[in-house]
């Protein structure tokens, strides 16, 4: 039976219901981001295969784009469902704060004050000098201004700052705009950001800004938002699927070529990758629950990682900073391949363990409070 003939309940996603596929998408995103982060520590000269892995590991960085598209999709769906209901802004903001703030601010407290107090180390010297920007979710703006990665173990918090800016602004757009107007806003934002980012990228003084500034990553969030609007509209789903297929087929060869060359190409990958991911998500969500792609993404390991993805993202760079490969050397095998596997596997397991502990001992208690702000 074709997808167009399936009932909505038989698809990987339906409006207003929890989708295991989206948990799996989140898990896949954190998987490739974490592996990328750990592979950056490997010595490419230690073995030809390690060199190849290091060469293509940056593809995993695109998991951040997937997080943005997914966030735009989920948040827009939530806002559209709650539009017009009492306490629209309050409930959304409080629920987001309960999910994001506890672990985020605890990690800052530990890294900037508690650990340096009890351990004589320079691990967190760099972010301590610029900590005001971390506490205020403006680290990405500071990076853009200085054109530098200036927060060391907390460099990756730029993406959390982008998300927070999105949470602050987007609810007003959803409330004030009709669905058609909201779709137009998304399309205009996607086109404008793509053009401006390409022009700005010609100036090396903005090399960091095109990667971390909220404005220059807004298109990925807008693509996710646009997908949420389309999938909850009256547009026939087979038509959406048809467009998604051709979008994916047209962008994938370009992305493959960019991956092989490893070129930044004036920030063009920052445009093409979210477009491809939006198309891939559309195809996934409009597929039957028994489709191989859906079964794969809904697999227990990916959904498990999806559940703990936030904690894994928060702790991974500080942990890599405190436990670099060099700190493991004397306990690792001498063979380069085996040493790399043990390091990546061991660190991945440790990151996951810490995220699990964080979720069950800290985050879950705050998440229970979300029921007070339905």
Protein backbone atom coordinates (compact mmCIF):
# COMPACT_ATOMS: atom_id res chain seq x y z
CA UNK A 1 0.00 0.00 0.00
CA UNK A 2 1.42 3.43 -0.91
CA UNK A 3 2.06 6.11 1.65
CA UNK A 4 -0.74 8.23 0.20
CA UNK A 5 -3.20 5.44 1.01
CA UNK A 6 -2.06 4.99 4.59
CA UNK A 7 -4.13 6.34 7.41
CA UNK A 8 -2.55 9.12 9.40
CA UNK A 9 -2.17 6.85 12.42
CA UNK A 10 -0.04 4.46 10.37
CA UNK A 11 2.52 7.06 9.43
CA UNK A 12 5.69 7.81 11.36
CA UNK A 13 4.17 11.11 12.52
CA UNK A 14 0.74 12.57 13.06
CA UNK A 15 -0.21 16.00 14.48
CA UNK A 16 -0.62 16.24 18.21
CA UNK A 17 0.88 12.84 19.03
CA UNK A 18 4.26 11.72 20.29
CA UNK A 19 6.45 10.38 17.50
CA UNK A 20 9.15 7.82 18.35
CA UNK A 21 10.71 8.67 14.98
CA UNK A 22 11.52 12.18 16.19
CA UNK A 23 13.18 10.73 19.29
CA UNK A 24 15.29 8.64 16.93
CA UNK A 25 16.15 11.67 14.81
CA UNK A 26 17.37 13.42 17.94
CA UNK A 27 19.38 10.33 18.86
CA UNK A 28 20.97 10.16 15.42
CA UNK A 29 21.91 13.84 15.63
CA UNK A 30 23.66 13.47 18.98
CA UNK A 31 25.35 10.27 17.80
CA UNK A 32 27.09 11.89 14.84
CA UNK A 33 27.89 15.10 16.75
CA UNK A 34 29.51 13.18 19.61
CA UNK A 35 31.49 10.88 17.33
CA UNK A 36 32.70 13.94 15.41
CA UNK A 37 33.75 15.63 18.65
CA UNK A 38 35.72 12.57 19.79
CA UNK A 39 37.30 11.89 16.40
CA UNK A 40 38.73 15.42 16.40
CA UNK A 41 41.06 14.22 19.16
CA UNK A 42 42.59 11.45 17.03
CA UNK A 43 46.01 11.85 15.45
CA UNK A 44 45.56 11.67 11.64
CA UNK A 45 49.24 10.81 11.18
CA UNK A 46 49.07 7.72 13.39
CA UNK A 47 47.50 5.54 10.68
CA UNK A 48 46.15 6.07 7.13
CA UNK A 49 42.67 4.92 8.20
CA UNK A 50 42.67 7.41 11.08
CA UNK A 51 43.59 10.07 8.56
CA UNK A 52 40.56 9.17 6.44
CA UNK A 53 38.31 9.21 9.50
CA UNK A 54 39.59 12.64 10.49
CA UNK A 55 39.08 13.78 6.92
CA UNK A 56 35.37 12.97 6.90
CA UNK A 57 34.57 13.36 10.61
CA UNK A 58 33.40 16.99 10.14
CA UNK A 59 30.29 15.61 8.44
CA UNK A 60 29.13 14.77 11.95
CA UNK A 61 29.17 18.45 12.82
CA UNK A 62 26.08 18.74 10.63
CA UNK A 63 24.17 17.05 13.40
CA UNK A 64 23.82 20.57 14.81
CA UNK A 65 21.92 21.54 11.65
CA UNK A 66 19.66 18.56 12.25
CA UNK A 67 19.04 19.74 15.82
CA UNK A 68 18.06 23.16 14.49
CA UNK A 69 15.67 21.79 11.87
CA UNK A 70 14.17 19.43 14.43
CA UNK A 71 13.82 22.22 16.98
CA UNK A 72 12.13 24.51 14.47
CA UNK A 73 9.71 21.72 13.60
CA UNK A 74 8.86 20.71 17.18
CA UNK A 75 8.62 24.21 18.65
CA UNK A 76 6.45 25.50 15.81
CA UNK A 77 4.15 22.51 16.16
CA UNK A 78 3.80 23.13 19.90
CA UNK A 79 3.13 26.82 19.42
CA UNK A 80 0.55 26.26 16.68
CA UNK A 81 -1.32 23.82 18.92
CA UNK A 82 -1.29 26.18 21.91
CA UNK A 83 -2.06 29.34 19.94
CA UNK A 84 -5.07 31.13 21.36
CA UNK A 85 -5.04 29.22 24.63
CA UNK A 86 -4.59 30.88 28.05
CA UNK A 87 -1.08 31.69 29.25
CA UNK A 88 0.38 31.08 25.79
CA UNK A 89 3.70 32.83 26.43
CA UNK A 90 4.06 31.92 30.09
CA UNK A 91 3.50 28.20 29.63
CA UNK A 92 5.85 27.95 26.68
CA UNK A 93 8.65 29.92 28.31
CA UNK A 94 8.41 28.14 31.65
CA UNK A 95 8.34 24.69 30.04
CA UNK A 96 11.41 25.54 27.95
CA UNK A 97 13.20 26.90 31.02
CA UNK A 98 12.44 23.75 33.01
CA UNK A 99 13.96 21.67 30.23
CA UNK A 100 17.02 23.78 29.43
CA UNK A 101 18.10 25.87 32.41
CA UNK A 102 18.86 23.37 35.23
CA UNK A 103 21.63 21.43 33.49
CA UNK A 104 22.92 24.44 31.57
CA UNK A 105 23.44 26.64 34.62
CA UNK A 106 24.70 23.75 36.73
CA UNK A 107 27.36 23.04 34.11
CA UNK A 108 28.42 26.70 34.20
CA UNK A 109 28.53 26.68 37.99
CA UNK A 110 30.67 23.53 38.01
CA UNK A 111 33.02 24.62 35.23
CA UNK A 112 33.46 28.27 36.08
CA UNK A 113 33.50 28.16 39.88
CA UNK A 114 33.40 24.79 41.64
CA UNK A 115 36.00 22.81 39.65
CA UNK A 116 38.56 25.68 39.49
CA UNK A 117 38.13 26.17 43.24
CA UNK A 118 39.11 22.60 44.09
CA UNK A 119 41.35 21.65 41.16
CA UNK A 120 44.46 23.57 40.17
CA UNK A 121 43.92 23.66 36.43
CA UNK A 122 43.61 26.08 33.53
CA UNK A 123 40.84 24.10 31.81
CA UNK A 124 38.26 26.82 32.33
CA UNK A 125 40.44 29.94 32.39
CA UNK A 126 39.27 31.05 28.94
CA UNK A 127 35.50 30.91 29.57
CA UNK A 128 35.87 32.42 33.07
CA UNK A 129 37.19 35.61 31.48
CA UNK A 130 34.13 35.83 29.23
CA UNK A 131 31.57 34.20 31.49
CA UNK A 132 29.02 37.02 31.41
CA UNK A 133 28.18 35.97 27.86
CA UNK A 134 27.63 32.37 28.93
CA UNK A 135 25.29 33.29 31.77
CA UNK A 136 23.25 35.52 29.43
CA UNK A 137 23.11 33.16 26.43
CA UNK A 138 25.07 35.57 24.24
CA UNK A 139 28.27 33.57 23.75
CA UNK A 140 27.58 33.21 20.03
CA UNK A 141 27.29 36.98 19.67
CA UNK A 142 30.62 37.45 21.47
CA UNK A 143 32.26 34.87 19.20
CA UNK A 144 30.92 36.67 16.15
CA UNK A 145 32.17 40.03 17.37
CA UNK A 146 35.68 38.74 18.15
CA UNK A 147 35.73 36.33 15.19
CA UNK A 148 37.18 33.72 17.56
CA UNK A 149 36.34 30.59 19.50
CA UNK A 150 36.80 32.18 22.90
CA UNK A 151 34.97 29.93 25.37
CA UNK A 152 37.15 26.82 25.35
CA UNK A 153 35.23 23.89 26.94
CA UNK A 154 32.01 25.85 26.46
CA UNK A 155 32.52 26.80 22.82
CA UNK A 156 29.67 24.51 21.81
CA UNK A 157 27.20 26.51 23.88
CA UNK A 158 26.87 28.86 20.92
CA UNK A 159 24.17 26.56 19.54
CA UNK A 160 22.24 26.65 22.82
CA UNK A 161 22.34 30.45 22.63
CA UNK A 162 20.88 30.31 19.11
CA UNK A 163 18.09 28.05 20.35
CA UNK A 164 17.33 30.36 23.28
CA UNK A 165 17.07 33.38 20.98
CA UNK A 166 14.64 31.38 18.84
CA UNK A 167 12.50 30.59 21.89
CA UNK A 168 12.36 34.27 22.82
CA UNK A 169 11.31 35.56 19.40
CA UNK A 170 9.37 32.87 17.56
CA UNK A 171 6.29 32.59 19.85
CA UNK A 172 5.38 36.19 18.98
CA UNK A 173 5.57 35.46 15.25
CA UNK A 174 3.34 32.41 15.62
CA UNK A 175 0.82 34.33 17.70
CA UNK A 176 0.63 37.37 15.44
CA UNK A 177 0.75 35.68 12.03
CA UNK A 178 -1.68 33.45 10.20
CA UNK A 179 -0.34 30.14 8.93
CA UNK A 180 0.11 31.60 5.46
CA UNK A 181 1.90 34.66 6.78
CA UNK A 182 4.08 32.46 8.98
CA UNK A 183 5.05 30.34 5.97
CA UNK A 184 5.96 33.51 4.07
CA UNK A 185 8.10 34.68 7.00
CA UNK A 186 9.95 31.33 6.93
CA UNK A 187 10.55 31.46 3.17
CA UNK A 188 11.75 35.07 3.32
CA UNK A 189 14.04 34.27 6.25
CA UNK A 190 15.54 31.26 4.47
CA UNK A 191 16.22 33.18 1.27
CA UNK A 192 17.51 36.32 2.98
CA UNK A 193 19.86 34.46 5.31
CA UNK A 194 21.25 32.37 2.44
CA UNK A 195 22.03 35.46 0.36
CA UNK A 196 23.40 37.63 3.18
CA UNK A 197 25.50 34.80 4.62
CA UNK A 198 27.07 34.12 1.23
CA UNK A 199 27.97 37.78 0.79
CA UNK A 200 29.28 38.13 4.35
CA UNK A 201 31.39 34.98 3.97
CA UNK A 202 33.54 36.81 1.41
CA UNK A 203 35.03 38.76 4.30
CA UNK A 204 37.33 36.60 6.49
CA UNK A 205 36.50 38.85 9.44
CA UNK A 206 33.13 37.06 9.62
CA UNK A 207 34.45 33.51 9.37
CA UNK A 208 33.11 32.55 12.81
CA UNK A 209 29.95 34.64 12.58
CA UNK A 210 28.53 32.75 9.60
CA UNK A 211 28.73 29.57 11.66
CA UNK A 212 27.49 30.75 15.07
CA UNK A 213 25.54 34.00 14.84
CA UNK A 214 21.82 33.61 15.42
CA UNK A 215 20.90 35.45 12.24
CA UNK A 216 23.09 33.21 10.10
CA UNK A 217 21.66 30.00 11.57
CA UNK A 218 18.05 31.16 11.57
CA UNK A 219 17.38 29.55 8.20
CA UNK A 220 17.74 26.02 9.59
CA UNK A 221 15.21 26.82 12.32
CA UNK A 222 12.93 28.41 9.73
CA UNK A 223 13.13 25.29 7.57
CA UNK A 224 11.96 23.15 10.45
CA UNK A 225 9.19 25.63 11.19
CA UNK A 226 8.13 25.63 7.54
CA UNK A 227 7.96 21.84 7.55
CA UNK A 228 5.67 21.92 10.61
CA UNK A 229 3.39 24.42 8.88
CA UNK A 230 3.25 22.36 5.68
CA UNK A 231 2.59 19.03 7.40
CA UNK A 232 -0.30 20.53 9.39
CA UNK A 233 -1.78 22.33 6.38
CA UNK A 234 -4.36 21.21 3.83
CA UNK A 235 -1.70 20.55 1.20
CA UNK A 236 -1.95 16.88 0.09
CA UNK A 237 0.80 14.88 1.69
CA UNK A 238 1.75 13.03 -1.53
CA UNK A 239 2.47 16.45 -3.01
CA UNK A 240 4.72 17.38 -0.08
CA UNK A 241 6.44 14.02 -0.40
CA UNK A 242 7.03 14.52 -4.13
CA UNK A 243 8.68 17.91 -3.54
CA UNK A 244 10.77 16.45 -0.73
CA UNK A 245 12.04 13.64 -2.95
CA UNK A 246 13.24 16.00 -5.66
CA UNK A 247 14.69 18.40 -3.11
CA UNK A 248 16.69 15.61 -1.52
CA UNK A 249 17.86 14.23 -4.85
CA UNK A 250 19.02 17.64 -6.05
CA UNK A 251 20.89 18.64 -2.89
CA UNK A 252 22.53 15.35 -1.93
CA UNK A 253 25.08 15.25 -4.82
CA UNK A 254 26.10 18.82 -4.02
CA UNK A 255 26.57 18.00 -0.34
CA UNK A 256 28.52 14.85 -1.21
CA UNK A 257 30.85 16.89 -3.40
CA UNK A 258 31.33 19.47 -0.66
CA UNK A 259 32.08 16.69 1.85
CA UNK A 260 34.74 15.24 -0.45
CA UNK A 261 36.41 18.58 -1.12
CA UNK A 262 36.08 19.78 2.48
CA UNK A 263 35.60 23.36 1.28
CA UNK A 264 33.51 25.98 3.06
CA UNK A 265 32.41 27.56 -0.24
CA UNK A 266 31.24 30.86 1.25
CA UNK A 267 28.96 29.14 3.74
CA UNK A 268 26.89 27.42 1.05
CA UNK A 269 26.87 24.11 3.02
CA UNK A 270 25.09 25.98 5.84
CA UNK A 271 22.23 26.50 3.38
CA UNK A 272 22.21 23.21 1.50
CA UNK A 273 22.52 20.90 4.51
CA UNK A 274 19.38 22.13 6.34
CA UNK A 275 17.45 22.00 3.07
CA UNK A 276 18.45 18.37 2.59
CA UNK A 277 17.68 17.54 6.21
CA UNK A 278 14.26 19.20 5.97
CA UNK A 279 13.49 17.08 2.90
CA UNK A 280 14.77 13.92 4.59
CA UNK A 281 12.64 14.62 7.67
CA UNK A 282 9.57 15.17 5.51
CA UNK A 283 10.09 11.84 3.76
CA UNK A 284 10.68 10.07 7.05
CA UNK A 285 7.62 11.49 8.79
CA UNK A 286 5.39 10.76 5.79
CA UNK A 287 6.55 7.16 5.56
CA UNK A 288 4.71 4.13 6.86
CA UNK A 289 5.61 2.90 10.35
CA UNK A 290 6.72 -0.39 8.82
CA UNK A 291 9.12 1.27 6.35
CA UNK A 292 12.76 0.29 6.86
CA UNK A 293 13.88 3.90 7.36
CA UNK A 294 11.27 4.44 10.07
CA UNK A 295 12.08 1.16 11.81
CA UNK A 296 15.76 2.10 11.78
CA UNK A 297 15.27 5.58 13.17
CA UNK A 298 12.82 4.25 15.76
CA UNK A 299 15.29 1.62 16.94
CA UNK A 300 15.78 1.41 20.69
CA UNK A 301 19.45 2.56 20.67
CA UNK A 302 18.66 5.75 18.76
CA UNK A 303 15.62 6.54 20.89
CA UNK A 304 17.75 5.90 23.99
CA UNK A 305 20.34 8.41 22.79
CA UNK A 306 17.56 10.82 21.88
CA UNK A 307 16.27 10.74 25.44
CA UNK A 308 19.64 11.77 26.87
CA UNK A 309 20.82 13.87 23.92
CA UNK A 310 20.69 17.22 25.72
CA UNK A 311 22.90 16.06 28.55
CA UNK A 312 25.28 14.36 26.13
CA UNK A 313 25.64 17.58 24.17
CA UNK A 314 26.23 19.73 27.24
CA UNK A 315 28.90 17.54 28.87
CA UNK A 316 30.86 16.25 25.88
CA UNK A 317 33.24 19.16 25.20
CA UNK A 318 34.04 19.88 28.88
CA UNK A 319 34.70 16.16 29.35
CA UNK A 320 36.95 15.99 26.29
CA UNK A 321 38.82 19.01 27.65
CA UNK A 322 39.36 17.40 31.05
CA UNK A 323 40.08 13.92 29.66
CA UNK A 324 41.86 14.39 26.32
CA UNK A 325 43.35 11.49 24.42
CA UNK A 326 46.77 12.31 25.85
CA UNK A 327 45.45 11.62 29.36
CA UNK A 328 44.45 8.11 28.30
CA UNK A 329 47.61 7.12 26.42
CA UNK A 330 49.29 5.02 29.10
CA UNK A 331 46.14 2.91 29.56
CA UNK A 332 45.39 2.52 25.85
CA UNK A 333 46.69 -0.14 23.41
CA UNK A 334 49.75 0.78 21.38
CA UNK A 335 48.07 -0.10 18.08
CA UNK A 336 46.72 3.14 16.58
CA UNK A 337 43.42 1.70 15.34
CA UNK A 338 42.64 -0.17 18.54
CA UNK A 339 43.72 2.80 20.64
CA UNK A 340 41.36 5.08 18.70
CA UNK A 341 38.46 2.65 19.02
CA UNK A 342 38.95 2.25 22.76
CA UNK A 343 39.22 6.02 23.26
CA UNK A 344 36.16 6.91 21.18
CA UNK A 345 34.11 4.04 22.61
CA UNK A 346 35.19 4.69 26.19
CA UNK A 347 34.54 8.42 26.03
CA UNK A 348 31.23 7.90 24.27
CA UNK A 349 30.16 5.54 27.03
CA UNK A 350 31.30 7.93 29.75
CA UNK A 351 29.49 10.86 28.14
CA UNK A 352 26.32 8.79 27.89
CA UNK A 353 26.62 7.63 31.50
CA UNK A 354 27.01 11.17 32.82
CA UNK A 355 24.02 12.29 30.73
CA UNK A 356 21.91 9.45 32.16
CA UNK A 357 22.85 10.34 35.71
CA UNK A 358 22.15 14.00 35.04
CA UNK A 359 18.75 13.23 33.58
CA UNK A 360 17.55 10.99 36.39
CA UNK A 361 19.06 12.88 39.32
CA UNK A 362 18.49 16.43 38.11
CA UNK A 363 16.58 17.07 34.90
CA UNK A 364 13.69 14.64 35.40
CA UNK A 365 12.65 16.37 38.65
CA UNK A 366 12.28 19.69 36.85
CA UNK A 367 10.54 18.04 33.90
CA UNK A 368 7.82 16.78 36.25
CA UNK A 369 6.93 20.41 36.94
CA UNK A 370 6.01 20.93 33.27
CA UNK A 371 2.60 19.37 33.94
CA UNK A 372 1.75 22.52 35.91
CA UNK A 373 2.11 24.53 32.69
CA UNK A 374 0.26 22.46 30.10
